[in-house]
Amino acid sequence: MTGERIFLDTVFIQALLNVRDQYHLKAKTLLLRVQSAVEVWVTEAVLIEVGNALSAFNRTAAIRFIQQCYQTQNMCVVSVDTQLRCLWCGKLGKLGKCGVLS
C-alpha cells in the first residue's frame, strides 16, 4: 500500500467501467494506483451519478462497483449532507454561511 489518499470522481469511474469511453485505457492504468492507496474516498453523490449514467448499458458493472465501494477496506464512502456541504463551502472561502454568497 502507498501512503496516497485518492478521491474518485465520476469521470474516472465511468471511464473505468465503460470500455467505449475515450479515457477507459487511462483509467485502467490508474486503477493499480487506486487499489494500492491507503485511502480512497468517494461520495454517495458520485456513486449515484455513476449508477444513473451506466444503468442503460452496463447496469451490472455499475451495481457491482458500487457494492464493492462499501465492502473494500481502503474505501471511504461519504454521505453528502448539509454538514458536509457547509464544510466544503467554508473551505472554499467563496461562500459565507452555508451557501449564502458573501
PDB file of N, CA and C in Angstrom:
ATOM      1  N   MET A   1       0.827  -1.186   0.000  1.00  0.00           N
ATOM      2  CA  MET A   1       0.000   0.000   0.000  1.00  0.00           C
ATOM      3  C   MET A   1       0.871   1.249   0.000  1.00  0.00           C
ATOM      4  N   THR A   2       0.440   2.222  -0.768  1.00  0.00           N
ATOM      5  CA  THR A   2       1.137   3.506  -0.781  1.00  0.00           C
ATOM      6  C   THR A   2       0.494   4.410   0.262  1.00  0.00           C
ATOM      7  N   GLY A   3       1.112   5.506   0.554  1.00  0.00           N
ATOM      8  CA  GLY A   3       0.559   6.457   1.507  1.00  0.00           C
ATOM      9  C   GLY A   3      -0.432   7.414   0.877  1.00  0.00           C
ATOM     10  N   GLU A   4      -0.780   7.175  -0.370  1.00  0.00           N
ATOM     11  CA  GLU A   4      -1.671   8.101  -1.087  1.00  0.00           C
ATOM     12  C   GLU A   4      -3.097   8.041  -0.567  1.00  0.00           C
ATOM     13  N   ARG A   5      -3.736   9.184  -0.613  1.00  0.00           N
ATOM     14  CA  ARG A   5      -5.180   9.296  -0.370  1.00  0.00           C
ATOM     15  C   ARG A   5      -5.766   9.836  -1.656  1.00  0.00           C
ATOM     16  N   ILE A   6      -6.728   9.127  -2.195  1.00  0.00           N
ATOM     17  CA  ILE A   6      -7.264   9.455  -3.514  1.00  0.00           C
ATOM     18  C   ILE A   6      -8.761   9.678  -3.424  1.00  0.00           C
ATOM     19  N   PHE A   7      -9.239  10.678  -4.164  1.00  0.00           N
ATOM     20  CA  PHE A   7     -10.676  10.916  -4.293  1.00  0.00           C
ATOM     21  C   PHE A   7     -11.104  10.480  -5.695  1.00  0.00           C
ATOM     22  N   LEU A   8     -12.097   9.604  -5.765  1.00  0.00           N
ATOM     23  CA  LEU A   8     -12.606   9.157  -7.055  1.00  0.00           C
ATOM     24  C   LEU A   8     -13.730  10.079  -7.513  1.00  0.00           C
ATOM     25  N   ASP A   9     -13.660  10.474  -8.776  1.00  0.00           N
ATOM     26  CA  ASP A   9     -14.740  11.280  -9.334  1.00  0.00           C
ATOM     27  C   ASP A   9     -15.512  10.462 -10.363  1.00  0.00           C
ATOM     28  N   THR A  10     -16.608  11.012 -10.789  1.00  0.00           N
ATOM     29  CA  THR A  10     -17.500  10.323 -11.715  1.00  0.00           C
ATOM     30  C   THR A  10     -16.811   9.976 -13.026  1.00  0.00           C
ATOM     31  N   VAL A  11     -16.029  10.886 -13.550  1.00  0.00           N
ATOM     32  CA  VAL A  11     -15.376  10.675 -14.845  1.00  0.00           C
ATOM     33  C   VAL A  11     -14.470   9.454 -14.801  1.00  0.00           C
ATOM     34  N   PHE A  12     -13.680   9.320 -13.736  1.00  0.00           N
ATOM     35  CA  PHE A  12     -12.776   8.174 -13.615  1.00  0.00           C
ATOM     36  C   PHE A  12     -13.559   6.867 -13.564  1.00  0.00           C
ATOM     37  N   ILE A  13     -14.570   6.807 -12.721  1.00  0.00           N
ATOM     38  CA  ILE A  13     -15.324   5.563 -12.545  1.00  0.00           C
ATOM     39  C   ILE A  13     -16.044   5.183 -13.823  1.00  0.00           C
ATOM     40  N   GLN A  14     -16.687   6.148 -14.462  1.00  0.00           N
ATOM     41  CA  GLN A  14     -17.374   5.861 -15.725  1.00  0.00           C
ATOM     42  C   GLN A  14     -16.392   5.367 -16.782  1.00  0.00           C
ATOM     43  N   ALA A  15     -15.246   5.997 -16.862  1.00  0.00           N
ATOM     44  CA  ALA A  15     -14.236   5.572 -17.841  1.00  0.00           C
ATOM     45  C   ALA A  15     -13.746   4.166 -17.539  1.00  0.00           C
ATOM     46  N   LEU A  16     -13.580   3.859 -16.279  1.00  0.00           N
ATOM     47  CA  LEU A  16     -13.115   2.539 -15.886  1.00  0.00           C
ATOM     48  C   LEU A  16     -14.118   1.453 -16.265  1.00  0.00           C
ATOM     49  N   LEU A  17     -15.388   1.728 -16.079  1.00  0.00           N
ATOM     50  CA  LEU A  17     -16.432   0.722 -16.302  1.00  0.00           C
ATOM     51  C   LEU A  17     -16.962   0.675 -17.732  1.00  0.00           C
ATOM     52  N   ASN A  18     -16.675   1.684 -18.524  1.00  0.00           N
ATOM     53  CA  ASN A  18     -17.201   1.768 -19.889  1.00  0.00           C
ATOM     54  C   ASN A  18     -16.067   1.582 -20.892  1.00  0.00           C
ATOM     55  N   VAL A  19     -16.001   0.420 -21.513  1.00  0.00           N
ATOM     56  CA  VAL A  19     -14.907   0.132 -22.449  1.00  0.00           C
ATOM     57  C   VAL A  19     -14.938   1.046 -23.667  1.00  0.00           C
ATOM     58  N   ARG A  20     -16.057   1.681 -23.931  1.00  0.00           N
ATOM     59  CA  ARG A  20     -16.156   2.595 -25.081  1.00  0.00           C
ATOM     60  C   ARG A  20     -15.771   4.032 -24.735  1.00  0.00           C
ATOM     61  N   ASP A  21     -15.519   4.304 -23.473  1.00  0.00           N
ATOM     62  CA  ASP A  21     -15.154   5.650 -23.038  1.00  0.00           C
ATOM     63  C   ASP A  21     -13.769   6.004 -23.558  1.00  0.00           C
ATOM     64  N   GLN A  22     -13.599   7.241 -23.984  1.00  0.00           N
ATOM     65  CA  GLN A  22     -12.317   7.678 -24.536  1.00  0.00           C
ATOM     66  C   GLN A  22     -11.176   7.615 -23.520  1.00  0.00           C
ATOM     67  N   TYR A  23     -11.490   7.613 -22.229  1.00  0.00           N
ATOM     68  CA  TYR A  23     -10.474   7.571 -21.175  1.00  0.00           C
ATOM     69  C   TYR A  23     -10.368   6.196 -20.500  1.00  0.00           C
ATOM     70  N   HIS A  24     -10.982   5.186 -21.096  1.00  0.00           N
ATOM     71  CA  HIS A  24     -11.005   3.855 -20.489  1.00  0.00           C
ATOM     72  C   HIS A  24      -9.592   3.304 -20.238  1.00  0.00           C
ATOM     73  N   LEU A  25      -8.733   3.369 -21.217  1.00  0.00           N
ATOM     74  CA  LEU A  25      -7.379   2.823 -21.057  1.00  0.00           C
ATOM     75  C   LEU A  25      -6.586   3.587 -19.995  1.00  0.00           C
ATOM     76  N   LYS A  26      -6.743   4.894 -19.960  1.00  0.00           N
ATOM     77  CA  LYS A  26      -6.069   5.707 -18.946  1.00  0.00           C
ATOM     78  C   LYS A  26      -6.580   5.335 -17.551  1.00  0.00           C
ATOM     79  N   ALA A  27      -7.887   5.147 -17.421  1.00  0.00           N
ATOM     80  CA  ALA A  27      -8.468   4.765 -16.135  1.00  0.00           C
ATOM     81  C   ALA A  27      -7.943   3.401 -15.693  1.00  0.00           C
ATOM     82  N   LYS A  28      -7.811   2.468 -16.624  1.00  0.00           N
ATOM     83  CA  LYS A  28      -7.288   1.151 -16.287  1.00  0.00           C
ATOM     84  C   LYS A  28      -5.845   1.240 -15.790  1.00  0.00           C
ATOM     85  N   THR A  29      -5.058   2.137 -16.384  1.00  0.00           N
ATOM     86  CA  THR A  29      -3.670   2.275 -15.934  1.00  0.00           C
ATOM     87  C   THR A  29      -3.601   2.901 -14.544  1.00  0.00           C
ATOM     88  N   LEU A  30      -4.572   3.733 -14.199  1.00  0.00           N
ATOM     89  CA  LEU A  30      -4.595   4.361 -12.874  1.00  0.00           C
ATOM     90  C   LEU A  30      -5.183   3.454 -11.795  1.00  0.00           C
ATOM     91  N   LEU A  31      -5.842   2.382 -12.204  1.00  0.00           N
ATOM     92  CA  LEU A  31      -6.524   1.501 -11.257  1.00  0.00           C
ATOM     93  C   LEU A  31      -5.566   0.898 -10.232  1.00  0.00           C
ATOM     94  N   LEU A  32      -4.388   0.482 -10.649  1.00  0.00           N
ATOM     95  CA  LEU A  32      -3.424  -0.096  -9.707  1.00  0.00           C
ATOM     96  C   LEU A  32      -3.058   0.911  -8.616  1.00  0.00           C
ATOM     97  N   ARG A  33      -2.906   2.151  -9.010  1.00  0.00           N
ATOM     98  CA  ARG A  33      -2.603   3.221  -8.050  1.00  0.00           C
ATOM     99  C   ARG A  33      -3.751   3.376  -7.040  1.00  0.00           C
ATOM    100  N   VAL A  34      -4.980   3.300  -7.529  1.00  0.00           N
ATOM    101  CA  VAL A  34      -6.150   3.398  -6.655  1.00  0.00           C
ATOM    102  C   VAL A  34      -6.191   2.199  -5.707  1.00  0.00           C
ATOM    103  N   GLN A  35      -5.950   1.026  -6.233  1.00  0.00           N
ATOM    104  CA  GLN A  35      -6.008  -0.185  -5.412  1.00  0.00           C
ATOM    105  C   GLN A  35      -4.934  -0.220  -4.324  1.00  0.00           C
ATOM    106  N   SER A  36      -3.811   0.421  -4.570  1.00  0.00           N
ATOM    107  CA  SER A  36      -2.724   0.383  -3.591  1.00  0.00           C
ATOM    108  C   SER A  36      -2.708   1.605  -2.665  1.00  0.00           C
ATOM    109  N   ALA A  37      -3.645   2.503  -2.820  1.00  0.00           N
ATOM    110  CA  ALA A  37      -3.717   3.694  -1.964  1.00  0.00           C
ATOM    111  C   ALA A  37      -4.143   3.307  -0.550  1.00  0.00           C
ATOM    112  N   VAL A  38      -3.679   4.060   0.413  1.00  0.00           N
ATOM    113  CA  VAL A  38      -4.050   3.802   1.800  1.00  0.00           C
ATOM    114  C   VAL A  38      -5.521   4.150   2.043  1.00  0.00           C
ATOM    115  N   GLU A  39      -6.003   5.194   1.379  1.00  0.00           N
ATOM    116  CA  GLU A  39      -7.414   5.578   1.474  1.00  0.00           C
ATOM    117  C   GLU A  39      -7.912   6.016   0.103  1.00  0.00           C
ATOM    118  N   VAL A  40      -9.117   5.573  -0.218  1.00  0.00           N
ATOM    119  CA  VAL A  40      -9.783   6.001  -1.445  1.00  0.00           C
ATOM    120  C   VAL A  40     -11.151   6.530  -1.030  1.00  0.00           C
ATOM    121  N   TRP A  41     -11.386   7.790  -1.357  1.00  0.00           N
ATOM    122  CA  TRP A  41     -12.613   8.460  -0.959  1.00  0.00           C
ATOM    123  C   TRP A  41     -13.535   8.632  -2.159  1.00  0.00           C
ATOM    124  N   VAL A  42     -14.820   8.491  -1.915  1.00  0.00           N
ATOM    125  CA  VAL A  42     -15.842   8.740  -2.927  1.00  0.00           C
ATOM    126  C   VAL A  42     -17.114   9.161  -2.187  1.00  0.00           C
ATOM    127  N   THR A  43     -17.878  10.030  -2.801  1.00  0.00           N
ATOM    128  CA  THR A  43     -19.143  10.432  -2.172  1.00  0.00           C
ATOM    129  C   THR A  43     -20.283   9.611  -2.740  1.00  0.00           C
ATOM    130  N   GLU A  44     -21.335   9.510  -1.976  1.00  0.00           N
ATOM    131  CA  GLU A  44     -22.526   8.817  -2.469  1.00  0.00           C
ATOM    132  C   GLU A  44     -23.108   9.540  -3.682  1.00  0.00           C
ATOM    133  N   ALA A  45     -22.900  10.854  -3.762  1.00  0.00           N
ATOM    134  CA  ALA A  45     -23.368  11.600  -4.931  1.00  0.00           C
ATOM    135  C   ALA A  45     -22.676  11.103  -6.198  1.00  0.00           C
ATOM    136  N   VAL A  46     -21.374  10.845  -6.112  1.00  0.00           N
ATOM    137  CA  VAL A  46     -20.631  10.305  -7.264  1.00  0.00           C
ATOM    138  C   VAL A  46     -21.165   8.919  -7.611  1.00  0.00           C
ATOM    139  N   LEU A  47     -21.403   8.092  -6.611  1.00  0.00           N
ATOM    140  CA  LEU A  47     -21.918   6.743  -6.879  1.00  0.00           C
ATOM    141  C   LEU A  47     -23.298   6.784  -7.534  1.00  0.00           C
ATOM    142  N   ILE A  48     -24.120   7.731  -7.133  1.00  0.00           N
ATOM    143  CA  ILE A  48     -25.440   7.885  -7.759  1.00  0.00           C
ATOM    144  C   ILE A  48     -25.282   8.303  -9.219  1.00  0.00           C
ATOM    145  N   GLU A  49     -24.378   9.246  -9.473  1.00  0.00           N
ATOM    146  CA  GLU A  49     -24.123   9.669 -10.854  1.00  0.00           C
ATOM    147  C   GLU A  49     -23.663   8.500 -11.718  1.00  0.00           C
ATOM    148  N   VAL A  50     -22.762   7.707 -11.181  1.00  0.00           N
ATOM    149  CA  VAL A  50     -22.253   6.544 -11.919  1.00  0.00           C
ATOM    150  C   VAL A  50     -23.387   5.560 -12.193  1.00  0.00           C
ATOM    151  N   GLY A  51     -24.175   5.280 -11.173  1.00  0.00           N
ATOM    152  CA  GLY A  51     -25.299   4.361 -11.353  1.00  0.00           C
ATOM    153  C   GLY A  51     -26.268   4.837 -12.415  1.00  0.00           C
ATOM    154  N   ASN A  52     -26.587   6.116 -12.381  1.00  0.00           N
ATOM    155  CA  ASN A  52     -27.506   6.673 -13.382  1.00  0.00           C
ATOM    156  C   ASN A  52     -26.900   6.645 -14.778  1.00  0.00           C
ATOM    157  N   ALA A  53     -25.654   7.042 -14.889  1.00  0.00           N
ATOM    158  CA  ALA A  53     -25.011   7.133 -16.200  1.00  0.00           C
ATOM    159  C   ALA A  53     -24.816   5.772 -16.848  1.00  0.00           C
ATOM    160  N   LEU A  54     -24.516   4.759 -16.058  1.00  0.00           N
ATOM    161  CA  LEU A  54     -24.196   3.456 -16.630  1.00  0.00           C
ATOM    162  C   LEU A  54     -25.356   2.467 -16.607  1.00  0.00           C
ATOM    163  N   SER A  55     -26.462   2.848 -16.014  1.00  0.00           N
ATOM    164  CA  SER A  55     -27.575   1.904 -15.869  1.00  0.00           C
ATOM    165  C   SER A  55     -28.159   1.444 -17.199  1.00  0.00           C
ATOM    166  N   ALA A  56     -28.059   2.257 -18.212  1.00  0.00           N
ATOM    167  CA  ALA A  56     -28.658   1.905 -19.501  1.00  0.00           C
ATOM    168  C   ALA A  56     -27.887   0.815 -20.242  1.00  0.00           C
ATOM    169  N   PHE A  57     -26.556   0.789 -20.092  1.00  0.00           N
ATOM    170  CA  PHE A  57     -25.811  -0.179 -20.897  1.00  0.00           C
ATOM    171  C   PHE A  57     -24.844  -1.062 -20.114  1.00  0.00           C
ATOM    172  N   ASN A  58     -24.605  -0.783 -18.842  1.00  0.00           N
ATOM    173  CA  ASN A  58     -23.721  -1.638 -18.061  1.00  0.00           C
ATOM    174  C   ASN A  58     -24.156  -1.626 -16.598  1.00  0.00           C
ATOM    175  N   ARG A  59     -25.422  -1.905 -16.397  1.00  0.00           N
ATOM    176  CA  ARG A  59     -26.021  -1.847 -15.063  1.00  0.00           C
ATOM    177  C   ARG A  59     -25.335  -2.802 -14.089  1.00  0.00           C
ATOM    178  N   THR A  60     -25.021  -4.001 -14.539  1.00  0.00           N
ATOM    179  CA  THR A  60     -24.403  -4.999 -13.665  1.00  0.00           C
ATOM    180  C   THR A  60     -23.053  -4.523 -13.138  1.00  0.00           C
ATOM    181  N   ALA A  61     -22.225  -3.982 -14.015  1.00  0.00           N
ATOM    182  CA  ALA A  61     -20.911  -3.491 -13.599  1.00  0.00           C
ATOM    183  C   ALA A  61     -21.053  -2.315 -12.643  1.00  0.00           C
ATOM    184  N   ALA A  62     -22.014  -1.433 -12.904  1.00  0.00           N
ATOM    185  CA  ALA A  62     -22.229  -0.279 -12.032  1.00  0.00           C
ATOM    186  C   ALA A  62     -22.656  -0.735 -10.639  1.00  0.00           C
ATOM    187  N   ILE A  63     -23.586  -1.654 -10.569  1.00  0.00           N
ATOM    188  CA  ILE A  63     -24.062  -2.168  -9.280  1.00  0.00           C
ATOM    189  C   ILE A  63     -22.929  -2.854  -8.531  1.00  0.00           C
ATOM    190  N   ARG A  64     -22.179  -3.683  -9.212  1.00  0.00           N
ATOM    191  CA  ARG A  64     -21.064  -4.401  -8.587  1.00  0.00           C
ATOM    192  C   ARG A  64     -20.021  -3.415  -8.039  1.00  0.00           C
ATOM    193  N   PHE A  65     -19.691  -2.407  -8.841  1.00  0.00           N
ATOM    194  CA  PHE A  65     -18.710  -1.415  -8.405  1.00  0.00           C
ATOM    195  C   PHE A  65     -19.190  -0.683  -7.159  1.00  0.00           C
ATOM    196  N   ILE A  66     -20.441  -0.244  -7.180  1.00  0.00           N
ATOM    197  CA  ILE A  66     -20.997   0.488  -6.034  1.00  0.00           C
ATOM    198  C   ILE A  66     -20.990  -0.388  -4.784  1.00  0.00           C
ATOM    199  N   GLN A  67     -21.394  -1.647  -4.924  1.00  0.00           N
ATOM    200  CA  GLN A  67     -21.382  -2.555  -3.777  1.00  0.00           C
ATOM    201  C   GLN A  67     -19.964  -2.755  -3.245  1.00  0.00           C
ATOM    202  N   GLN A  68     -18.998  -2.893  -4.129  1.00  0.00           N
ATOM    203  CA  GLN A  68     -17.612  -3.085  -3.715  1.00  0.00           C
ATOM    204  C   GLN A  68     -17.061  -1.865  -2.976  1.00  0.00           C
ATOM    205  N   CYS A  69     -17.532  -0.684  -3.332  1.00  0.00           N
ATOM    206  CA  CYS A  69     -17.079   0.523  -2.634  1.00  0.00           C
ATOM    207  C   CYS A  69     -17.397   0.447  -1.148  1.00  0.00           C
ATOM    208  N   TYR A  70     -18.539  -0.134  -0.807  1.00  0.00           N
ATOM    209  CA  TYR A  70     -18.941  -0.248   0.590  1.00  0.00           C
ATOM    210  C   TYR A  70     -18.251  -1.411   1.307  1.00  0.00           C
ATOM    211  N   GLN A  71     -17.662  -2.327   0.555  1.00  0.00           N
ATOM    212  CA  GLN A  71     -17.060  -3.516   1.151  1.00  0.00           C
ATOM    213  C   GLN A  71     -15.537  -3.526   1.128  1.00  0.00           C
ATOM    214  N   THR A  72     -14.928  -2.633   0.365  1.00  0.00           N
ATOM    215  CA  THR A  72     -13.482  -2.625   0.219  1.00  0.00           C
ATOM    216  C   THR A  72     -12.848  -1.883   1.394  1.00  0.00           C
ATOM    217  N   GLN A  73     -11.819  -2.498   1.973  1.00  0.00           N
ATOM    218  CA  GLN A  73     -11.242  -1.994   3.211  1.00  0.00           C
ATOM    219  C   GLN A  73     -10.676  -0.578   3.111  1.00  0.00           C
ATOM    220  N   ASN A  74     -10.039  -0.220   1.995  1.00  0.00           N
ATOM    221  CA  ASN A  74      -9.422   1.107   1.911  1.00  0.00           C
ATOM    222  C   ASN A  74     -10.366   2.168   1.334  1.00  0.00           C
ATOM    223  N   MET A  75     -11.628   1.805   1.084  1.00  0.00           N
ATOM    224  CA  MET A  75     -12.606   2.747   0.533  1.00  0.00           C
ATOM    225  C   MET A  75     -13.373   3.439   1.648  1.00  0.00           C
ATOM    226  N   CYS A  76     -13.556   4.740   1.490  1.00  0.00           N
ATOM    227  CA  CYS A  76     -14.351   5.548   2.408  1.00  0.00           C
ATOM    228  C   CYS A  76     -15.467   6.199   1.599  1.00  0.00           C
ATOM    229  N   VAL A  77     -16.693   5.744   1.814  1.00  0.00           N
ATOM    230  CA  VAL A  77     -17.845   6.311   1.123  1.00  0.00           C
ATOM    231  C   VAL A  77     -18.466   7.358   2.039  1.00  0.00           C
ATOM    232  N   VAL A  78     -18.552   8.578   1.526  1.00  0.00           N
ATOM    233  CA  VAL A  78     -19.019   9.707   2.332  1.00  0.00           C
ATOM    234  C   VAL A  78     -20.428  10.094   1.895  1.00  0.00           C
ATOM    235  N   SER A  79     -21.322  10.189   2.864  1.00  0.00           N
ATOM    236  CA  SER A  79     -22.671  10.684   2.584  1.00  0.00           C
ATOM    237  C   SER A  79     -22.599  12.186   2.377  1.00  0.00           C
ATOM    238  N   VAL A  80     -23.386  12.680   1.463  1.00  0.00           N
ATOM    239  CA  VAL A  80     -23.440  14.117   1.239  1.00  0.00           C
ATOM    240  C   VAL A  80     -24.640  14.637   2.014  1.00  0.00           C
ATOM    241  N   ASP A  81     -24.355  15.491   2.974  1.00  0.00           N
ATOM    242  CA  ASP A  81     -25.415  16.067   3.783  1.00  0.00           C
ATOM    243  C   ASP A  81     -25.126  17.556   3.981  1.00  0.00           C
ATOM    244  N   THR A  82     -25.977  18.222   4.688  1.00  0.00           N
ATOM    245  CA  THR A  82     -25.834  19.666   4.889  1.00  0.00           C
ATOM    246  C   THR A  82     -24.521  20.007   5.584  1.00  0.00           C
ATOM    247  N   GLN A  83     -24.143  19.224   6.564  1.00  0.00           N
ATOM    248  CA  GLN A  83     -22.909  19.490   7.292  1.00  0.00           C
ATOM    249  C   GLN A  83     -21.695  19.409   6.367  1.00  0.00           C
ATOM    250  N   LEU A  84     -21.634  18.403   5.522  1.00  0.00           N
ATOM    251  CA  LEU A  84     -20.517  18.272   4.591  1.00  0.00           C
ATOM    252  C   LEU A  84     -20.526  19.427   3.589  1.00  0.00           C
ATOM    253  N   ARG A  85     -21.700  19.767   3.080  1.00  0.00           N
ATOM    254  CA  ARG A  85     -21.795  20.868   2.121  1.00  0.00           C
ATOM    255  C   ARG A  85     -21.325  22.178   2.751  1.00  0.00           C
ATOM    256  N   CYS A  86     -21.707  22.435   3.975  1.00  0.00           N
ATOM    257  CA  CYS A  86     -21.291  23.660   4.655  1.00  0.00           C
ATOM    258  C   CYS A  86     -19.790  23.665   4.907  1.00  0.00           C
ATOM    259  N   LEU A  87     -19.240  22.522   5.265  1.00  0.00           N
ATOM    260  CA  LEU A  87     -17.795  22.417   5.464  1.00  0.00           C
ATOM    261  C   LEU A  87     -17.076  22.723   4.158  1.00  0.00           C
ATOM    262  N   TRP A  88     -17.559  22.143   3.064  1.00  0.00           N
ATOM    263  CA  TRP A  88     -16.971  22.373   1.745  1.00  0.00           C
ATOM    264  C   TRP A  88     -17.058  23.851   1.366  1.00  0.00           C
ATOM    265  N   CYS A  89     -18.200  24.458   1.607  1.00  0.00           N
ATOM    266  CA  CYS A  89     -18.371  25.875   1.284  1.00  0.00           C
ATOM    267  C   CYS A  89     -17.409  26.724   2.090  1.00  0.00           C
ATOM    268  N   GLY A  90     -17.242  26.407   3.351  1.00  0.00           N
ATOM    269  CA  GLY A  90     -16.327  27.157   4.208  1.00  0.00           C
ATOM    270  C   GLY A  90     -14.885  27.010   3.765  1.00  0.00           C
ATOM    271  N   LYS A  91     -14.501  25.835   3.293  1.00  0.00           N
ATOM    272  CA  LYS A  91     -13.135  25.602   2.831  1.00  0.00           C
ATOM    273  C   LYS A  91     -12.841  26.411   1.579  1.00  0.00           C
ATOM    274  N   LEU A  92     -13.839  26.579   0.741  1.00  0.00           N
ATOM    275  CA  LEU A  92     -13.631  27.342  -0.483  1.00  0.00           C
ATOM    276  C   LEU A  92     -13.441  28.819  -0.188  1.00  0.00           C
ATOM    277  N   GLY A  93     -14.078  29.285   0.865  1.00  0.00           N
ATOM    278  CA  GLY A  93     -13.956  30.686   1.226  1.00  0.00           C
ATOM    279  C   GLY A  93     -14.744  31.615   0.325  1.00  0.00           C
ATOM    280  N   LYS A  94     -15.472  31.085  -0.613  1.00  0.00           N
ATOM    281  CA  LYS A  94     -16.236  31.915  -1.550  1.00  0.00           C
ATOM    282  C   LYS A  94     -17.656  32.121  -1.058  1.00  0.00           C
ATOM    283  N   LEU A  95     -18.120  31.181  -0.275  1.00  0.00           N
ATOM    284  CA  LEU A  95     -19.482  31.265   0.214  1.00  0.00           C
ATOM    285  C   LEU A  95     -19.441  31.513   1.710  1.00  0.00           C
ATOM    286  N   GLY A  96     -20.381  32.272   2.150  1.00  0.00           N
ATOM    287  CA  GLY A  96     -20.455  32.564   3.565  1.00  0.00           C
ATOM    288  C   GLY A  96     -21.202  31.471   4.292  1.00  0.00           C
ATOM    289  N   LYS A  97     -22.156  31.869   5.064  1.00  0.00           N
ATOM    290  CA  LYS A  97     -22.907  30.973   5.923  1.00  0.00           C
ATOM    291  C   LYS A  97     -23.734  29.984   5.098  1.00  0.00           C
ATOM    292  N   CYS A  98     -23.274  28.778   5.043  1.00  0.00           N
ATOM    293  CA  CYS A  98     -23.979  27.669   4.399  1.00  0.00           C
ATOM    294  C   CYS A  98     -24.610  27.995   3.048  1.00  0.00           C
ATOM    295  N   GLY A  99     -23.792  28.364   2.121  1.00  0.00           N
ATOM    296  CA  GLY A  99     -24.273  28.523   0.761  1.00  0.00           C
ATOM    297  C   GLY A  99     -24.746  29.913   0.401  1.00  0.00           C
ATOM    298  N   VAL A 100     -24.718  30.835   1.333  1.00  0.00           N
ATOM    299  CA  VAL A 100     -25.147  32.201   1.039  1.00  0.00           C
ATOM    300  C   VAL A 100     -23.938  32.960   0.529  1.00  0.00           C
ATOM    301  N   LEU A 101     -24.058  33.538  -0.646  1.00  0.00           N
ATOM    302  CA  LEU A 101     -22.949  34.294  -1.219  1.00  0.00           C
ATOM    303  C   LEU A 101     -22.593  35.464  -0.335  1.00  0.00           C
ATOM    304  N   SER A 102     -21.285  35.653  -0.093  1.00  0.00           N
ATOM    305  CA  SER A 102     -20.877  36.784   0.731  1.00  0.00           C
ATOM    306  C   SER A 102     -20.324  37.901  -0.124  1.00  0.00           C
TER     307      SER A 102
END
